[in-house]
């Protein structure tokens, strides 16, 4: 019997709650309709009073609050309170940064919002891509006679996360730590049948600071940009092996050994490039093509004679070169916070 009583009590509570919710929803809709009717009648002071009451006493959905703010802005504008209309328009854009003005919106509301636009202020982005490197040789030491010049094949990949601040609509500044990994292969023909091979793997941490300038030739959806900056590079670890193979003989490839101490572990680069951005509300997708150049050489020239095993066993001294990198990346950006900007540096 007690279970039956509790069941009936629970059902009655749910029913009462549903009735109260429906009543509240109906009351909100009637109040919003009254707000529109008062505006149509030109009773702007009552519109502002009722808008305040609705905002204080009702829990509004997004569409309901949007409807309320539309007529609030319009009433301020028609009432001659231009500064208050602009403040309400800024608040409107903060809540609805992607709102597109509709033909049936109140004309004063459309005129006021037309004086403003929104732009992302803080964003975070991620990107990944591939790299191709051309070594710019500074010096090359030859211990034995060779045939021709060394052939380099250097490539890698990277992953990056960026934190972006936009002080202006056309300008943004990013700090974008990244991790890169390279494979370096060097081949030198020493005779008609013998080829010397030097292979290396390298892991690098990078900390670039980037300034990006946006351009808007096609509106806000497809936005090209150019960027430039500088970065700090730090070699985490490198490993290498070296051997000579000859036609008709078996060559055992040695295991790679650590050779980090022979590098300029800390380096600096200048960089630049171009992006094509596609904006969809808070999300931006982009493709990125860039280039960078290291200020210091990759191998430390002060230590070129320190690796005795490499020098006497393999008859090789590491080349001194700087890295000229070309990279291609794809990425996605999430805009976290928007700001409202007055066109021509003023609102009303």
Protein backbone atom coordinates (compact mmCIF):
# COMPACT_ATOMS: atom_id res chain seq x y z
CA UNK A 1 0.00 0.00 0.00
CA UNK A 2 2.82 2.37 0.89
CA UNK A 3 4.51 1.65 -2.47
CA UNK A 4 1.25 2.47 -4.27
CA UNK A 5 0.92 5.75 -2.38
CA UNK A 6 4.49 6.74 -3.23
CA UNK A 7 3.93 5.91 -6.89
CA UNK A 8 0.77 8.08 -7.02
CA UNK A 9 2.58 10.92 -5.23
CA UNK A 10 5.49 10.76 -7.69
CA UNK A 11 3.18 10.81 -10.72
CA UNK A 12 1.28 13.79 -9.31
CA UNK A 13 4.56 15.66 -8.72
CA UNK A 14 5.68 15.02 -12.30
CA UNK A 15 2.31 16.15 -13.64
CA UNK A 16 2.32 19.34 -11.57
CA UNK A 17 5.88 20.11 -12.70
CA UNK A 18 4.92 19.59 -16.34
CA UNK A 19 1.91 21.91 -15.96
CA UNK A 20 4.08 24.57 -14.28
CA UNK A 21 6.71 24.30 -17.03
CA UNK A 22 4.08 24.59 -19.76
CA UNK A 23 2.53 27.55 -17.97
CA UNK A 24 5.93 29.25 -17.64
CA UNK A 25 6.68 28.65 -21.32
CA UNK A 26 3.30 30.00 -22.31
CA UNK A 27 3.76 33.03 -20.06
CA UNK A 28 7.20 33.73 -21.58
CA UNK A 29 5.85 33.55 -25.12
CA UNK A 30 2.95 35.85 -24.26
CA UNK A 31 5.32 38.35 -22.66
CA UNK A 32 7.59 38.32 -25.71
CA UNK A 33 4.58 38.85 -27.97
CA UNK A 34 3.48 41.74 -25.76
CA UNK A 35 6.99 43.19 -26.05
CA UNK A 36 6.69 43.15 -29.84
CA UNK A 37 3.19 44.67 -29.71
CA UNK A 38 4.37 47.50 -27.46
CA UNK A 39 7.22 48.26 -29.84
CA UNK A 40 4.83 48.32 -32.82
CA UNK A 41 2.67 50.77 -30.88
CA UNK A 42 5.64 53.07 -30.30
CA UNK A 43 5.62 52.62 -26.50
CA UNK A 44 9.37 52.39 -26.23
CA UNK A 45 9.61 53.15 -22.51
CA UNK A 46 7.29 50.24 -21.76
CA UNK A 47 9.30 48.02 -24.11
CA UNK A 48 12.45 48.71 -22.10
CA UNK A 49 10.70 48.12 -18.77
CA UNK A 50 9.12 44.85 -19.92
CA UNK A 51 12.42 43.66 -21.46
CA UNK A 52 14.12 44.16 -18.10
CA UNK A 53 11.34 42.28 -16.31
CA UNK A 54 11.49 39.35 -18.75
CA UNK A 55 15.27 39.12 -18.40
CA UNK A 56 15.09 39.17 -14.60
CA UNK A 57 12.16 36.79 -14.04
CA UNK A 58 12.31 34.24 -16.87
CA UNK A 59 14.76 31.55 -17.91
CA UNK A 60 14.97 32.19 -21.65
CA UNK A 61 16.07 29.96 -24.46
CA UNK A 62 18.59 31.25 -26.98
CA UNK A 63 15.89 32.20 -29.50
CA UNK A 64 13.74 33.86 -26.82
CA UNK A 65 16.60 35.97 -25.50
CA UNK A 66 17.61 36.87 -29.06
CA UNK A 67 14.03 38.07 -29.71
CA UNK A 68 14.04 40.14 -26.50
CA UNK A 69 17.37 41.82 -27.26
CA UNK A 70 16.31 42.68 -30.82
CA UNK A 71 13.45 44.85 -29.62
CA UNK A 72 15.50 46.21 -26.73
CA UNK A 73 18.14 47.55 -29.14
CA UNK A 74 15.46 48.90 -31.49
CA UNK A 75 13.58 50.62 -28.63
CA UNK A 76 16.74 52.30 -27.36
CA UNK A 77 17.51 53.51 -30.88
CA UNK A 78 14.00 54.86 -31.53
CA UNK A 79 13.84 56.44 -28.09
CA UNK A 80 16.99 58.44 -28.86
CA UNK A 81 19.22 56.58 -26.40
CA UNK A 82 21.96 55.98 -28.96
CA UNK A 83 24.72 55.17 -26.49
CA UNK A 84 22.51 52.64 -24.70
CA UNK A 85 21.50 51.15 -28.06
CA UNK A 86 25.15 50.67 -28.92
CA UNK A 87 25.87 49.05 -25.55
CA UNK A 88 22.96 46.66 -26.08
CA UNK A 89 24.22 45.90 -29.60
CA UNK A 90 27.67 45.02 -28.22
CA UNK A 91 26.04 42.74 -25.66
CA UNK A 92 23.98 41.15 -28.44
CA UNK A 93 27.07 40.39 -30.52
CA UNK A 94 28.92 38.99 -27.48
CA UNK A 95 26.11 36.49 -27.00
CA UNK A 96 25.50 35.83 -30.71
CA UNK A 97 28.76 36.56 -32.60
CA UNK A 98 27.58 34.75 -35.76
CA UNK A 99 24.18 36.39 -36.06
CA UNK A 100 23.29 37.47 -39.59
CA UNK A 101 20.88 40.37 -39.90
CA UNK A 102 17.51 39.37 -41.42
CA UNK A 103 15.22 41.50 -43.59
CA UNK A 104 12.31 41.18 -41.10
CA UNK A 105 14.39 42.43 -38.14
CA UNK A 106 13.37 45.88 -36.82
CA UNK A 107 15.01 48.57 -38.95
CA UNK A 108 16.65 50.43 -36.01
CA UNK A 109 18.09 47.12 -34.82
CA UNK A 110 19.54 46.44 -38.28
CA UNK A 111 20.97 49.95 -38.51
CA UNK A 112 22.62 49.69 -35.08
CA UNK A 113 24.11 46.23 -35.63
CA UNK A 114 25.38 47.35 -39.03
CA UNK A 115 27.84 49.61 -37.23
CA UNK A 116 29.65 46.64 -35.69
CA UNK A 117 31.38 43.38 -36.53
CA UNK A 118 32.82 40.57 -34.43
CA UNK A 119 36.27 39.00 -34.52
CA UNK A 120 37.95 36.22 -32.56
CA UNK A 121 40.18 37.49 -29.76
CA UNK A 122 41.70 34.30 -28.33
CA UNK A 123 42.11 31.05 -30.28
CA UNK A 124 43.91 27.74 -30.05
CA UNK A 125 45.02 25.73 -33.08
CA UNK A 126 46.69 22.45 -33.96
CA UNK A 127 48.57 21.50 -37.10
CA UNK A 128 50.59 18.60 -38.50
CA UNK A 129 52.61 18.29 -41.64
CA UNK A 130 55.69 17.21 -43.55
CA UNK A 131 59.05 18.89 -44.09
CA UNK A 132 61.63 18.85 -46.85
CA UNK A 133 65.09 20.20 -46.08
CA UNK A 134 67.82 21.48 -48.35
CA UNK A 135 71.22 21.71 -46.63
CA UNK A 136 73.13 24.93 -47.28
CA UNK A 137 76.77 23.76 -47.09
CA UNK A 138 79.33 25.97 -45.35
CA UNK A 139 82.28 23.57 -45.38
CA UNK A 140 83.01 19.98 -46.34
CA UNK A 141 86.15 18.07 -45.30
CA UNK A 142 87.37 15.23 -47.53
CA UNK A 143 89.78 12.69 -46.08
CA UNK A 144 89.82 10.39 -49.10
CA UNK A 145 89.32 11.06 -52.78
CA UNK A 146 85.70 10.92 -53.87
CA UNK A 147 83.75 10.89 -57.10
CA UNK A 148 81.31 13.79 -57.36
CA UNK A 149 79.56 15.65 -54.54
CA UNK A 150 77.56 14.35 -51.56
CA UNK A 151 73.87 13.71 -52.06
CA UNK A 152 71.54 14.61 -49.19
CA UNK A 153 68.01 13.43 -48.61
CA UNK A 154 66.50 15.14 -45.54
CA UNK A 155 62.81 15.00 -44.68
CA UNK A 156 60.65 14.89 -41.62
CA UNK A 157 57.29 15.59 -40.05
CA UNK A 158 55.99 17.81 -37.28
CA UNK A 159 53.09 18.32 -34.86
CA UNK A 160 52.24 21.73 -33.47
CA UNK A 161 49.83 23.49 -31.10
CA UNK A 162 49.37 27.25 -31.23
CA UNK A 163 47.94 29.87 -28.88
CA UNK A 164 46.74 32.94 -30.75
CA UNK A 165 45.82 36.49 -29.76
CA UNK A 166 44.23 38.90 -32.25
CA UNK A 167 44.61 42.58 -31.33
CA UNK A 168 43.25 43.65 -34.74
CA UNK A 169 40.94 42.12 -37.32
CA UNK A 170 43.80 41.74 -39.79
CA UNK A 171 46.57 40.92 -37.31
CA UNK A 172 47.17 37.98 -34.97
CA UNK A 173 50.14 36.87 -32.87
CA UNK A 174 50.79 33.21 -32.05
CA UNK A 175 53.11 31.24 -29.82
CA UNK A 176 53.17 27.72 -31.24
CA UNK A 177 55.41 25.07 -29.63
CA UNK A 178 56.04 22.13 -31.93
CA UNK A 179 57.84 18.80 -32.10
CA UNK A 180 59.68 17.70 -35.24
CA UNK A 181 61.50 14.54 -36.27
CA UNK A 182 63.96 14.31 -39.18
CA UNK A 183 65.65 11.56 -41.15
CA UNK A 184 68.98 12.59 -42.71
CA UNK A 185 70.62 10.45 -45.37
CA UNK A 186 73.96 11.40 -46.91
CA UNK A 187 75.47 9.42 -49.79
CA UNK A 188 78.94 9.87 -51.30
CA UNK A 189 80.43 7.76 -54.12
CA UNK A 190 84.01 6.93 -53.23
CA UNK A 191 84.85 4.72 -56.19
CA UNK A 192 83.20 2.96 -59.07
CA UNK A 193 82.08 0.14 -56.75
CA UNK A 194 82.02 1.72 -53.24
CA UNK A 195 79.53 4.17 -51.74
CA UNK A 196 79.78 5.78 -48.31
CA UNK A 197 76.51 6.23 -46.44
CA UNK A 198 75.79 8.34 -43.36
CA UNK A 199 72.31 8.10 -41.77
CA UNK A 200 70.93 10.13 -38.91
CA UNK A 201 67.66 10.57 -37.01
CA UNK A 202 66.95 13.76 -35.09
CA UNK A 203 64.25 14.98 -32.66
CA UNK A 204 63.77 18.73 -32.21
CA UNK A 205 61.62 20.96 -30.00
CA UNK A 206 60.71 24.34 -31.49
CA UNK A 207 59.17 27.49 -30.03
CA UNK A 208 58.15 29.94 -32.78
CA UNK A 209 56.57 33.38 -32.33
CA UNK A 210 54.48 34.26 -35.40
CA UNK A 211 52.78 37.45 -36.60
CA UNK A 212 50.04 36.79 -39.18
CA UNK A 213 48.26 39.27 -41.43
CA UNK A 214 44.81 38.40 -42.78
CA UNK A 215 43.37 39.51 -46.12
CA UNK A 216 39.68 39.50 -47.06
CA UNK A 217 39.33 39.57 -50.86
CA UNK A 218 36.49 37.00 -50.79
CA UNK A 219 34.64 37.95 -47.62
CA UNK A 220 34.89 36.15 -44.27
CA UNK A 221 34.66 32.51 -45.38
CA UNK A 222 37.87 31.99 -47.37
CA UNK A 223 40.63 34.17 -45.93
CA UNK A 224 44.24 34.03 -47.19
CA UNK A 225 47.00 35.24 -44.91
CA UNK A 226 50.76 35.69 -44.78
CA UNK A 227 52.95 35.34 -41.72
CA UNK A 228 56.49 35.78 -40.50
CA UNK A 229 58.44 35.33 -37.32
CA UNK A 230 61.33 33.68 -35.55
CA UNK A 231 61.77 30.55 -33.50
CA UNK A 232 64.00 28.90 -30.96
CA UNK A 233 65.07 25.32 -31.77
CA UNK A 234 66.48 22.79 -29.36
CA UNK A 235 67.76 19.36 -30.40
CA UNK A 236 66.39 16.75 -28.00
CA UNK A 237 68.42 13.82 -29.32
CA UNK A 238 70.20 12.54 -32.43
CA UNK A 239 71.55 9.14 -33.46
CA UNK A 240 73.63 8.17 -36.47
CA UNK A 241 75.54 5.39 -38.17
CA UNK A 242 78.06 5.32 -41.02
CA UNK A 243 79.30 2.57 -43.31
CA UNK A 244 80.61 1.90 -46.80
CA UNK A 245 79.00 -0.65 -49.06
CA UNK A 246 80.56 -2.11 -52.19
CA UNK A 247 79.10 -3.92 -55.16
CA UNK A 248 79.33 -7.71 -54.75
CA UNK A 249 80.12 -7.66 -51.02
CA UNK A 250 77.98 -8.06 -47.91
CA UNK A 251 77.86 -5.00 -45.65
CA UNK A 252 76.67 -5.19 -42.06
CA UNK A 253 74.84 -2.00 -41.13
CA UNK A 254 75.93 -0.87 -37.65
CA UNK A 255 73.43 0.23 -35.02
CA UNK A 256 72.91 3.96 -34.62
CA UNK A 257 74.76 5.62 -31.74
CA UNK A 258 74.08 8.86 -29.91
CA UNK A 259 75.91 11.86 -31.37
CA UNK A 260 73.95 14.75 -29.82
CA UNK A 261 77.09 16.34 -28.37
CA UNK A 262 78.42 17.12 -31.85
CA UNK A 263 75.44 19.37 -32.72
CA UNK A 264 74.49 22.97 -32.07
CA UNK A 265 71.73 21.85 -29.73
CA UNK A 266 70.32 25.39 -29.47
CA UNK A 267 69.60 27.14 -32.73
CA UNK A 268 67.48 30.00 -34.10
CA UNK A 269 65.47 30.34 -37.28
CA UNK A 270 63.65 33.00 -39.26
CA UNK A 271 60.44 31.82 -40.91
CA UNK A 272 57.60 32.90 -43.13
CA UNK A 273 54.78 31.51 -45.21
CA UNK A 274 51.19 31.71 -46.37
CA UNK A 275 47.92 30.17 -45.27
CA UNK A 276 44.49 29.68 -46.72
CA UNK A 277 41.83 29.69 -44.00
CA UNK A 278 38.24 28.49 -44.23
CA UNK A 279 36.04 29.87 -41.44
CA UNK A 280 32.92 28.09 -40.25
CA UNK A 281 31.49 29.76 -37.14
CA UNK A 282 33.94 29.06 -34.28
CA UNK A 283 36.05 26.61 -36.32
CA UNK A 284 38.73 27.49 -38.87
CA UNK A 285 40.37 24.91 -41.16
CA UNK A 286 43.60 25.87 -42.88
CA UNK A 287 46.41 24.72 -45.14
CA UNK A 288 49.86 26.19 -44.56
CA UNK A 289 52.96 26.44 -46.76
CA UNK A 290 56.08 27.84 -45.11
CA UNK A 291 59.85 28.16 -45.22
CA UNK A 292 62.47 28.64 -42.49
CA UNK A 293 66.24 29.07 -42.34
CA UNK A 294 68.54 28.25 -39.42
CA UNK A 295 70.94 30.96 -38.27
CA UNK A 296 73.54 28.54 -36.87
CA UNK A 297 74.83 25.40 -38.62
CA UNK A 298 73.34 22.04 -37.71
CA UNK A 299 76.67 20.36 -36.87
CA UNK A 300 78.90 22.25 -34.45
CA UNK A 301 82.00 23.35 -36.46
CA UNK A 302 84.05 23.54 -33.24
CA UNK A 303 83.56 19.79 -32.75
CA UNK A 304 84.06 18.53 -36.29
CA UNK A 305 87.23 16.65 -35.32
CA UNK A 306 85.95 15.28 -31.98
CA UNK A 307 84.35 12.05 -33.26
CA UNK A 308 87.52 9.98 -33.65
CA UNK A 309 85.69 6.74 -34.50
CA UNK A 310 83.86 8.37 -37.39
CA UNK A 311 87.00 10.12 -38.61
CA UNK A 312 89.46 7.18 -38.49
CA UNK A 313 87.19 4.19 -39.04
CA UNK A 314 84.87 5.70 -41.66
CA UNK A 315 87.21 8.40 -42.99
CA UNK A 316 84.46 11.03 -42.64
CA UNK A 317 84.21 14.43 -40.95
CA UNK A 318 80.70 15.80 -40.61
CA UNK A 319 79.75 18.55 -43.05
CA UNK A 320 78.95 21.99 -41.68
CA UNK A 321 75.60 23.15 -43.09
CA UNK A 322 72.50 25.14 -42.20
CA UNK A 323 68.98 23.85 -42.78
CA UNK A 324 66.70 25.53 -45.28
CA UNK A 325 63.27 23.97 -44.67
CA UNK A 326 60.11 23.86 -46.73
CA UNK A 327 56.98 22.61 -44.97
CA UNK A 328 53.35 21.91 -45.70
CA UNK A 329 50.76 21.58 -42.94
CA UNK A 330 47.05 21.19 -42.40
CA UNK A 331 45.35 22.31 -39.23
CA UNK A 332 42.24 23.35 -37.36
CA UNK A 333 41.66 26.37 -35.16
CA UNK A 334 39.02 26.90 -32.46
CA UNK A 335 38.06 30.47 -31.61
CA UNK A 336 37.47 30.66 -27.87
CA UNK A 337 36.43 34.27 -27.33
CA UNK A 338 35.07 36.99 -29.59
CA UNK A 339 35.16 40.76 -29.30
CA UNK A 340 32.85 43.36 -30.87
CA UNK A 341 34.47 46.09 -32.96
CA UNK A 342 32.88 49.37 -34.06
CA UNK A 343 33.31 50.14 -37.74
CA UNK A 344 35.23 53.34 -38.45
CA UNK A 345 36.21 53.37 -34.73
CA UNK A 346 32.78 54.53 -33.57
CA UNK A 347 29.29 53.14 -33.17
CA UNK A 348 26.42 55.57 -33.32
